[in-house]
C-alpha atoms as a PDB file:
ATOM      1  CA  MET A   1      16.797  57.979 -11.755  1.00  0.00           C
ATOM      2  CA  THR A   2      13.724  56.539 -10.204  1.00  0.00           C
ATOM      3  CA  THR A   3      12.893  58.912  -7.387  1.00  0.00           C
ATOM      4  CA  GLY A   4      11.007  57.657  -4.419  1.00  0.00           C
ATOM      5  CA  SER A   5      13.397  54.829  -3.582  1.00  0.00           C
ATOM      6  CA  THR A   6      13.431  54.265   0.129  1.00  0.00           C
ATOM      7  CA  ILE A   7      16.158  52.863   2.338  1.00  0.00           C
ATOM      8  CA  VAL A   8      15.204  49.692   4.187  1.00  0.00           C
ATOM      9  CA  GLU A   9      18.526  48.714   5.766  1.00  0.00           C
ATOM     10  CA  VAL A  10      21.659  50.490   6.984  1.00  0.00           C
ATOM     11  CA  GLU A  11      24.846  49.134   8.490  1.00  0.00           C
ATOM     12  CA  PRO A  12      27.874  51.195   9.497  1.00  0.00           C
ATOM     13  CA  THR A  13      31.038  49.545   8.147  1.00  0.00           C
ATOM     14  CA  HIS A  14      34.206  51.548   8.912  1.00  0.00           C
ATOM     15  CA  ASP A  15      35.163  55.181   9.333  1.00  0.00           C
ATOM     16  CA  TYR A  16      32.160  57.167   8.069  1.00  0.00           C
ATOM     17  CA  ARG A  17      30.965  54.564   5.571  1.00  0.00           C
ATOM     18  CA  LEU A  18      27.497  53.036   5.465  1.00  0.00           C
ATOM     19  CA  GLN A  19      26.219  49.966   3.652  1.00  0.00           C
ATOM     20  CA  LEU A  20      22.681  50.696   2.399  1.00  0.00           C
ATOM     21  CA  ARG A  21      19.889  48.597   0.913  1.00  0.00           C
ATOM     22  CA  PHE A  22      16.956  50.179  -0.902  1.00  0.00           C
ATOM     23  CA  ASP A  23      13.439  48.836  -1.361  1.00  0.00           C
ATOM     24  CA  ASP A  24      14.164  48.025  -5.022  1.00  0.00           C
ATOM     25  CA  GLY A  25      17.034  45.719  -3.994  1.00  0.00           C
ATOM     26  CA  THR A  26      19.829  48.152  -4.826  1.00  0.00           C
ATOM     27  CA  ARG A  27      22.746  47.855  -2.403  1.00  0.00           C
ATOM     28  CA  GLY A  28      25.911  49.835  -1.991  1.00  0.00           C
ATOM     29  CA  GLU A  29      28.248  51.704   0.268  1.00  0.00           C
ATOM     30  CA  VAL A  30      28.587  55.451   0.702  1.00  0.00           C
ATOM     31  CA  ASP A  31      31.249  57.495   2.439  1.00  0.00           C
ATOM     32  CA  VAL A  32      29.251  60.092   4.349  1.00  0.00           C
ATOM     33  CA  ALA A  33      32.416  62.102   5.085  1.00  0.00           C
ATOM     34  CA  GLU A  34      32.636  62.862   1.346  1.00  0.00           C
ATOM     35  CA  MET A  35      29.067  64.177   1.351  1.00  0.00           C
ATOM     36  CA  ILE A  36      28.797  66.390   4.426  1.00  0.00           C
ATOM     37  CA  ARG A  37      30.742  68.754   6.638  1.00  0.00           C
ATOM     38  CA  PHE A  38      30.665  67.804  10.279  1.00  0.00           C
ATOM     39  CA  ASP A  39      29.132  71.051  11.492  1.00  0.00           C
ATOM     40  CA  GLY A  40      25.672  72.195  12.466  1.00  0.00           C
ATOM     41  CA  VAL A  41      23.291  69.273  12.887  1.00  0.00           C
ATOM     42  CA  PHE A  42      26.033  66.929  11.616  1.00  0.00           C
ATOM     43  CA  ALA A  43      28.680  68.050  14.173  1.00  0.00           C
ATOM     44  CA  PRO A  44      27.905  65.285  16.719  1.00  0.00           C
ATOM     45  CA  LEU A  45      28.389  62.650  14.002  1.00  0.00           C
ATOM     46  CA  LYS A  46      32.117  63.353  13.834  1.00  0.00           C
ATOM     47  CA  ASP A  47      32.289  61.143  16.941  1.00  0.00           C
ATOM     48  CA  HIS A  48      32.312  57.588  15.555  1.00  0.00           C
ATOM     49  CA  GLY A  49      30.172  56.395  18.475  1.00  0.00           C
ATOM     50  CA  GLU A  50      27.431  58.845  17.529  1.00  0.00           C
ATOM     51  CA  PHE A  51      27.822  58.148  13.811  1.00  0.00           C
ATOM     52  CA  ARG A  52      27.290  54.416  14.408  1.00  0.00           C
ATOM     53  CA  LYS A  53      23.869  55.155  15.982  1.00  0.00           C
ATOM     54  CA  VAL A  54      22.455  55.564  12.470  1.00  0.00           C
ATOM     55  CA  ARG A  55      19.105  53.867  11.827  1.00  0.00           C
ATOM     56  CA  VAL A  56      16.419  53.652   9.174  1.00  0.00           C
ATOM     57  CA  ASP A  57      13.393  55.878   9.715  1.00  0.00           C
ATOM     58  CA  PRO A  58      10.579  53.974   7.970  1.00  0.00           C
ATOM     59  CA  GLU A  59       8.332  57.042   7.891  1.00  0.00           C
ATOM     60  CA  LEU A  60      10.946  59.132   6.070  1.00  0.00           C
ATOM     61  CA  GLY A  61      12.322  56.217   4.046  1.00  0.00           C
ATOM     62  CA  THR A  62      15.866  57.274   4.796  1.00  0.00           C
ATOM     63  CA  ILE A  63      18.588  57.073   7.402  1.00  0.00           C
ATOM     64  CA  CYS A  64      18.719  59.294  10.454  1.00  0.00           C
ATOM     65  CA  TRP A  65      20.512  59.763  13.735  1.00  0.00           C
ATOM     66  CA  PRO A  66      19.115  60.360  17.248  1.00  0.00           C
ATOM     67  CA  ASN A  67      19.918  64.112  17.059  1.00  0.00           C
ATOM     68  CA  GLY A  68      17.558  64.514  14.069  1.00  0.00           C
ATOM     69  CA  ALA A  69      20.177  64.594  11.285  1.00  0.00           C
ATOM     70  CA  ASP A  70      19.151  62.753   8.128  1.00  0.00           C
ATOM     71  CA  LEU A  71      20.186  62.441   4.494  1.00  0.00           C
ATOM     72  CA  ASP A  72      18.035  62.532   1.370  1.00  0.00           C
ATOM     73  CA  PRO A  73      17.460  58.970   0.097  1.00  0.00           C
ATOM     74  CA  ASP A  74      17.500  60.105  -3.553  1.00  0.00           C
ATOM     75  CA  VAL A  75      20.949  61.649  -3.087  1.00  0.00           C
ATOM     76  CA  LEU A  76      22.209  58.441  -1.456  1.00  0.00           C
ATOM     77  CA  TYR A  77      20.682  56.331  -4.241  1.00  0.00           C
ATOM     78  CA  ALA A  78      22.379  58.500  -6.868  1.00  0.00           C
ATOM     79  CA  ARG A  79      25.741  58.148  -5.086  1.00  0.00           C
ATOM     80  CA  ILE A  80      25.456  54.366  -5.109  1.00  0.00           C
ATOM     81  CA  THR A  81      24.142  53.906  -8.638  1.00  0.00           C
ATOM     82  CA  GLY A  82      25.995  56.766 -10.326  1.00  0.00           C
ATOM     83  CA  GLU A  83      22.693  57.990 -11.770  1.00  0.00           C
ATOM     84  CA  SER A  84      21.869  61.664 -11.764  1.00  0.00           C
ATOM     85  CA  ILE A  85      18.980  63.124  -9.854  1.00  0.00           C
ATOM     86  CA  SER A  86      16.201  64.490 -12.026  1.00  0.00           C
ATOM     87  CA  LEU A  87      13.395  66.755 -10.951  1.00  0.00           C
ATOM     88  CA  SER A  88       9.891  66.032 -12.138  1.00  0.00           C
ATOM     89  CA  GLU A  89       9.307  69.695 -12.963  1.00  0.00           C
ATOM     90  CA  PRO A  90      11.658  72.584 -13.782  1.00  0.00           C
ATOM     91  CA  LEU A  91      12.909  74.714 -10.920  1.00  0.00           C
ATOM     92  CA  GLU A  92      11.344  77.815 -12.463  1.00  0.00           C
ATOM     93  CA  SER A  93       7.832  76.391 -12.153  1.00  0.00           C
ATOM     94  CA  ARG A  94       8.487  75.503  -8.524  1.00  0.00           C
ATOM     95  CA  GLY A  95       9.666  78.992  -7.668  1.00  0.00           C
ATOM     96  CA  LEU A  96      13.182  77.737  -6.920  1.00  0.00           C
ATOM     97  CA  SER A  97      15.200  79.457  -9.629  1.00  0.00           C
END
């Protein structure tokens, strides 16, 4: 997967689904309810009115909500394209193993 893809457009469709467009032209729909639990920072998003307040944060290159919740654009890109996420360096060398 090409990491670093940024989201440039988001549109809520129905239920907890979002139509996304990335800067490379890739488009697709994701079901956020399959990706998150509606607790913690995501708890307010269980309310469809709050969920539909989603917007693109151009500084982060991803989607976010007014309460500060956001989702990783690489994870969203992988969901849409079916590609796996690859790290540029092994976890051991990053101290994450």
